[in-house]
N, C-alpha and C. Protein backbone atom coordinates (compact mmCIF):
# COMPACT_ATOMS: atom_id res chain seq x y z
N MET A 1 -27.62 -29.53 10.90
CA MET A 1 -26.55 -30.01 10.06
C MET A 1 -26.62 -29.41 8.65
N SER A 2 -27.83 -29.14 8.18
CA SER A 2 -27.98 -28.59 6.83
C SER A 2 -27.41 -27.17 6.75
N GLU A 3 -27.45 -26.45 7.86
CA GLU A 3 -26.88 -25.10 7.88
C GLU A 3 -25.37 -25.16 7.70
N ASP A 4 -24.71 -26.14 8.31
CA ASP A 4 -23.27 -26.32 8.13
C ASP A 4 -22.94 -26.66 6.68
N ASN A 5 -23.77 -27.49 6.08
CA ASN A 5 -23.56 -27.85 4.67
C ASN A 5 -23.72 -26.64 3.76
N GLU A 6 -24.70 -25.80 4.07
CA GLU A 6 -24.90 -24.59 3.27
C GLU A 6 -23.70 -23.66 3.37
N VAL A 7 -23.18 -23.50 4.57
CA VAL A 7 -21.99 -22.64 4.77
C VAL A 7 -20.81 -23.22 4.02
N LEU A 8 -20.63 -24.54 4.09
CA LEU A 8 -19.53 -25.19 3.39
C LEU A 8 -19.67 -25.03 1.88
N MET A 9 -20.86 -25.19 1.36
CA MET A 9 -21.09 -25.03 -0.08
C MET A 9 -20.85 -23.58 -0.51
N LEU A 10 -21.27 -22.64 0.35
CA LEU A 10 -21.05 -21.22 0.05
C LEU A 10 -19.56 -20.91 0.01
N LEU A 11 -18.82 -21.42 0.98
CA LEU A 11 -17.37 -21.20 1.00
C LEU A 11 -16.70 -21.80 -0.22
N LYS A 12 -17.11 -22.99 -0.61
CA LYS A 12 -16.54 -23.63 -1.80
C LYS A 12 -16.82 -22.80 -3.04
N ALA A 13 -18.04 -22.29 -3.15
CA ALA A 13 -18.40 -21.46 -4.30
C ALA A 13 -17.59 -20.17 -4.32
N LEU A 14 -17.41 -19.56 -3.16
CA LEU A 14 -16.62 -18.32 -3.11
C LEU A 14 -15.16 -18.57 -3.47
N VAL A 15 -14.59 -19.66 -2.97
CA VAL A 15 -13.21 -19.98 -3.29
C VAL A 15 -13.06 -20.23 -4.79
N GLU A 16 -14.02 -20.93 -5.38
CA GLU A 16 -13.97 -21.20 -6.82
C GLU A 16 -14.05 -19.89 -7.62
N LYS A 17 -14.92 -18.97 -7.19
CA LYS A 17 -15.04 -17.69 -7.90
C LYS A 17 -13.77 -16.85 -7.76
N VAL A 18 -13.17 -16.85 -6.57
CA VAL A 18 -11.93 -16.10 -6.37
C VAL A 18 -10.81 -16.69 -7.23
N ASN A 19 -10.73 -18.01 -7.29
CA ASN A 19 -9.71 -18.65 -8.12
C ASN A 19 -9.90 -18.30 -9.59
N LYS A 20 -11.15 -18.30 -10.08
CA LYS A 20 -11.42 -17.92 -11.47
C LYS A 20 -11.05 -16.46 -11.72
N LEU A 21 -11.36 -15.60 -10.75
CA LEU A 21 -11.04 -14.18 -10.89
C LEU A 21 -9.53 -13.97 -10.94
N GLU A 22 -8.79 -14.63 -10.05
CA GLU A 22 -7.33 -14.52 -10.07
C GLU A 22 -6.76 -15.01 -11.39
N LYS A 23 -7.29 -16.11 -11.88
CA LYS A 23 -6.81 -16.65 -13.15
C LYS A 23 -7.08 -15.67 -14.28
N ALA A 24 -8.25 -15.04 -14.27
CA ALA A 24 -8.59 -14.07 -15.31
C ALA A 24 -7.74 -12.81 -15.22
N VAL A 25 -7.49 -12.34 -14.01
CA VAL A 25 -6.73 -11.09 -13.84
C VAL A 25 -5.26 -11.29 -14.20
N TYR A 26 -4.68 -12.41 -13.77
CA TYR A 26 -3.26 -12.62 -14.00
C TYR A 26 -2.96 -13.32 -15.32
N ASP A 27 -3.97 -13.51 -16.17
CA ASP A 27 -3.75 -14.10 -17.47
C ASP A 27 -2.93 -13.12 -18.32
N ASN A 28 -1.95 -13.66 -19.05
CA ASN A 28 -1.06 -12.80 -19.85
C ASN A 28 -1.80 -12.09 -20.97
N ASP A 29 -2.91 -12.62 -21.42
CA ASP A 29 -3.67 -11.98 -22.50
C ASP A 29 -4.66 -10.95 -22.00
N ASN A 30 -4.75 -10.77 -20.70
CA ASN A 30 -5.70 -9.84 -20.11
C ASN A 30 -5.26 -8.41 -20.41
N MET A 31 -6.21 -7.55 -20.76
CA MET A 31 -5.91 -6.15 -21.07
C MET A 31 -5.37 -5.40 -19.86
N LEU A 32 -5.86 -5.72 -18.66
CA LEU A 32 -5.35 -5.04 -17.47
C LEU A 32 -3.88 -5.37 -17.25
N MET A 33 -3.51 -6.63 -17.48
CA MET A 33 -2.12 -7.03 -17.30
C MET A 33 -1.25 -6.37 -18.36
N LYS A 34 -1.73 -6.32 -19.60
CA LYS A 34 -0.95 -5.71 -20.69
C LYS A 34 -0.78 -4.21 -20.48
N SER A 35 -1.80 -3.56 -19.91
CA SER A 35 -1.75 -2.11 -19.75
C SER A 35 -0.88 -1.70 -18.57
N GLY A 36 -0.60 -2.64 -17.67
CA GLY A 36 0.24 -2.31 -16.53
C GLY A 36 -0.54 -1.95 -15.28
N PHE A 37 -1.87 -1.97 -15.35
CA PHE A 37 -2.66 -1.67 -14.16
C PHE A 37 -2.55 -2.76 -13.11
N VAL A 38 -2.35 -3.99 -13.55
CA VAL A 38 -2.19 -5.12 -12.64
C VAL A 38 -0.75 -5.61 -12.77
N VAL A 39 -0.03 -5.64 -11.66
CA VAL A 39 1.34 -6.13 -11.67
C VAL A 39 1.48 -7.25 -10.66
N VAL A 40 2.37 -8.18 -10.97
CA VAL A 40 2.58 -9.31 -10.08
C VAL A 40 3.51 -8.92 -8.95
N ASP A 41 4.59 -8.23 -9.27
CA ASP A 41 5.57 -7.83 -8.27
C ASP A 41 5.45 -6.33 -8.03
N THR A 42 5.20 -5.96 -6.78
CA THR A 42 5.09 -4.55 -6.45
C THR A 42 6.37 -4.09 -5.77
N PRO A 43 6.71 -2.83 -5.89
CA PRO A 43 7.92 -2.33 -5.23
C PRO A 43 7.77 -2.33 -3.72
N THR A 44 8.88 -2.52 -3.04
CA THR A 44 8.88 -2.52 -1.58
C THR A 44 9.13 -1.09 -1.10
N PRO A 45 8.27 -0.56 -0.25
CA PRO A 45 8.49 0.80 0.23
C PRO A 45 9.71 0.87 1.15
N SER A 46 10.34 2.01 1.15
CA SER A 46 11.50 2.20 2.03
C SER A 46 11.37 3.54 2.73
N MET A 47 11.97 3.61 3.91
CA MET A 47 11.94 4.84 4.69
C MET A 47 13.37 5.21 5.06
N SER A 48 13.63 6.48 5.05
CA SER A 48 14.91 6.95 5.56
C SER A 48 14.64 7.87 6.73
N VAL A 49 15.37 7.67 7.79
CA VAL A 49 15.18 8.46 9.00
C VAL A 49 16.38 9.38 9.15
N SER A 50 16.09 10.65 9.34
CA SER A 50 17.17 11.61 9.54
C SER A 50 17.01 12.27 10.90
N ASN A 51 18.10 12.73 11.43
CA ASN A 51 18.09 13.40 12.72
C ASN A 51 17.60 14.83 12.50
N THR A 52 16.54 15.21 13.19
CA THR A 52 15.97 16.55 13.00
C THR A 52 16.54 17.58 13.96
N GLY A 53 17.27 17.14 14.95
CA GLY A 53 17.84 18.09 15.89
C GLY A 53 17.27 17.91 17.28
N ASP A 54 17.92 18.53 18.22
CA ASP A 54 17.47 18.44 19.60
C ASP A 54 16.31 19.39 19.85
N VAL A 55 15.60 19.15 20.92
CA VAL A 55 14.48 20.00 21.29
C VAL A 55 14.98 21.41 21.60
N ASP A 56 16.17 21.50 22.21
CA ASP A 56 16.73 22.82 22.52
C ASP A 56 16.93 23.64 21.25
N ASN A 57 17.43 23.01 20.20
CA ASN A 57 17.64 23.73 18.95
C ASN A 57 16.32 24.22 18.37
N ILE A 58 15.29 23.39 18.43
CA ILE A 58 13.99 23.79 17.91
C ILE A 58 13.39 24.91 18.76
N ALA A 59 13.59 24.86 20.07
CA ALA A 59 13.05 25.89 20.95
C ALA A 59 13.69 27.25 20.67
N LYS A 60 14.89 27.26 20.18
CA LYS A 60 15.59 28.52 19.91
C LYS A 60 15.34 29.05 18.50
N MET A 61 14.63 28.30 17.67
CA MET A 61 14.37 28.73 16.30
C MET A 61 13.21 29.72 16.26
N ASP A 62 13.23 30.56 15.22
CA ASP A 62 12.06 31.39 15.00
C ASP A 62 11.12 30.65 14.05
N TRP A 63 9.92 31.21 13.81
CA TRP A 63 8.90 30.51 13.05
C TRP A 63 9.33 30.25 11.62
N GLN A 64 10.09 31.13 11.04
CA GLN A 64 10.55 30.95 9.67
C GLN A 64 11.48 29.74 9.56
N GLU A 65 12.37 29.59 10.53
CA GLU A 65 13.28 28.44 10.54
C GLU A 65 12.51 27.13 10.78
N ILE A 66 11.50 27.18 11.65
CA ILE A 66 10.68 25.99 11.90
C ILE A 66 9.92 25.61 10.63
N GLY A 67 9.40 26.61 9.91
CA GLY A 67 8.69 26.34 8.64
C GLY A 67 9.63 25.71 7.63
N ALA A 68 10.88 26.18 7.56
CA ALA A 68 11.85 25.61 6.64
C ALA A 68 12.19 24.18 7.03
N LEU A 69 12.31 23.92 8.33
CA LEU A 69 12.61 22.57 8.82
C LEU A 69 11.47 21.61 8.47
N VAL A 70 10.22 22.05 8.69
CA VAL A 70 9.07 21.20 8.36
C VAL A 70 9.01 20.95 6.87
N SER A 71 9.26 21.97 6.08
CA SER A 71 9.26 21.80 4.62
C SER A 71 10.33 20.80 4.19
N LYS A 72 11.50 20.87 4.82
CA LYS A 72 12.58 19.94 4.49
C LYS A 72 12.19 18.51 4.88
N MET A 73 11.52 18.36 6.05
CA MET A 73 11.09 17.04 6.49
C MET A 73 10.03 16.45 5.56
N GLU A 74 9.21 17.31 4.97
CA GLU A 74 8.16 16.86 4.05
C GLU A 74 8.70 16.53 2.67
N GLY A 75 9.97 16.80 2.44
CA GLY A 75 10.56 16.49 1.13
C GLY A 75 10.80 17.72 0.28
N GLY A 76 10.48 18.88 0.81
CA GLY A 76 10.71 20.12 0.07
C GLY A 76 12.15 20.57 0.21
N TYR A 77 12.44 21.74 -0.30
CA TYR A 77 13.80 22.26 -0.25
C TYR A 77 13.87 23.53 0.55
């Protein structure tokens, strides 16, 4: 039974430390918060899917066209 109590006490101590850390990090007077390294709201990532073409079209391309297509897919021009 003492082992269960030790685990419970350890969990309580960890929760208390995490709560103190969160309070310190998100405090408005904290230098990390003022500098912008810590933000409360993060941007939501978005993806756009484009049609790259049929397999037949890719099979008929030469290597230069395939390189251009891959570059375009990677965000290049």
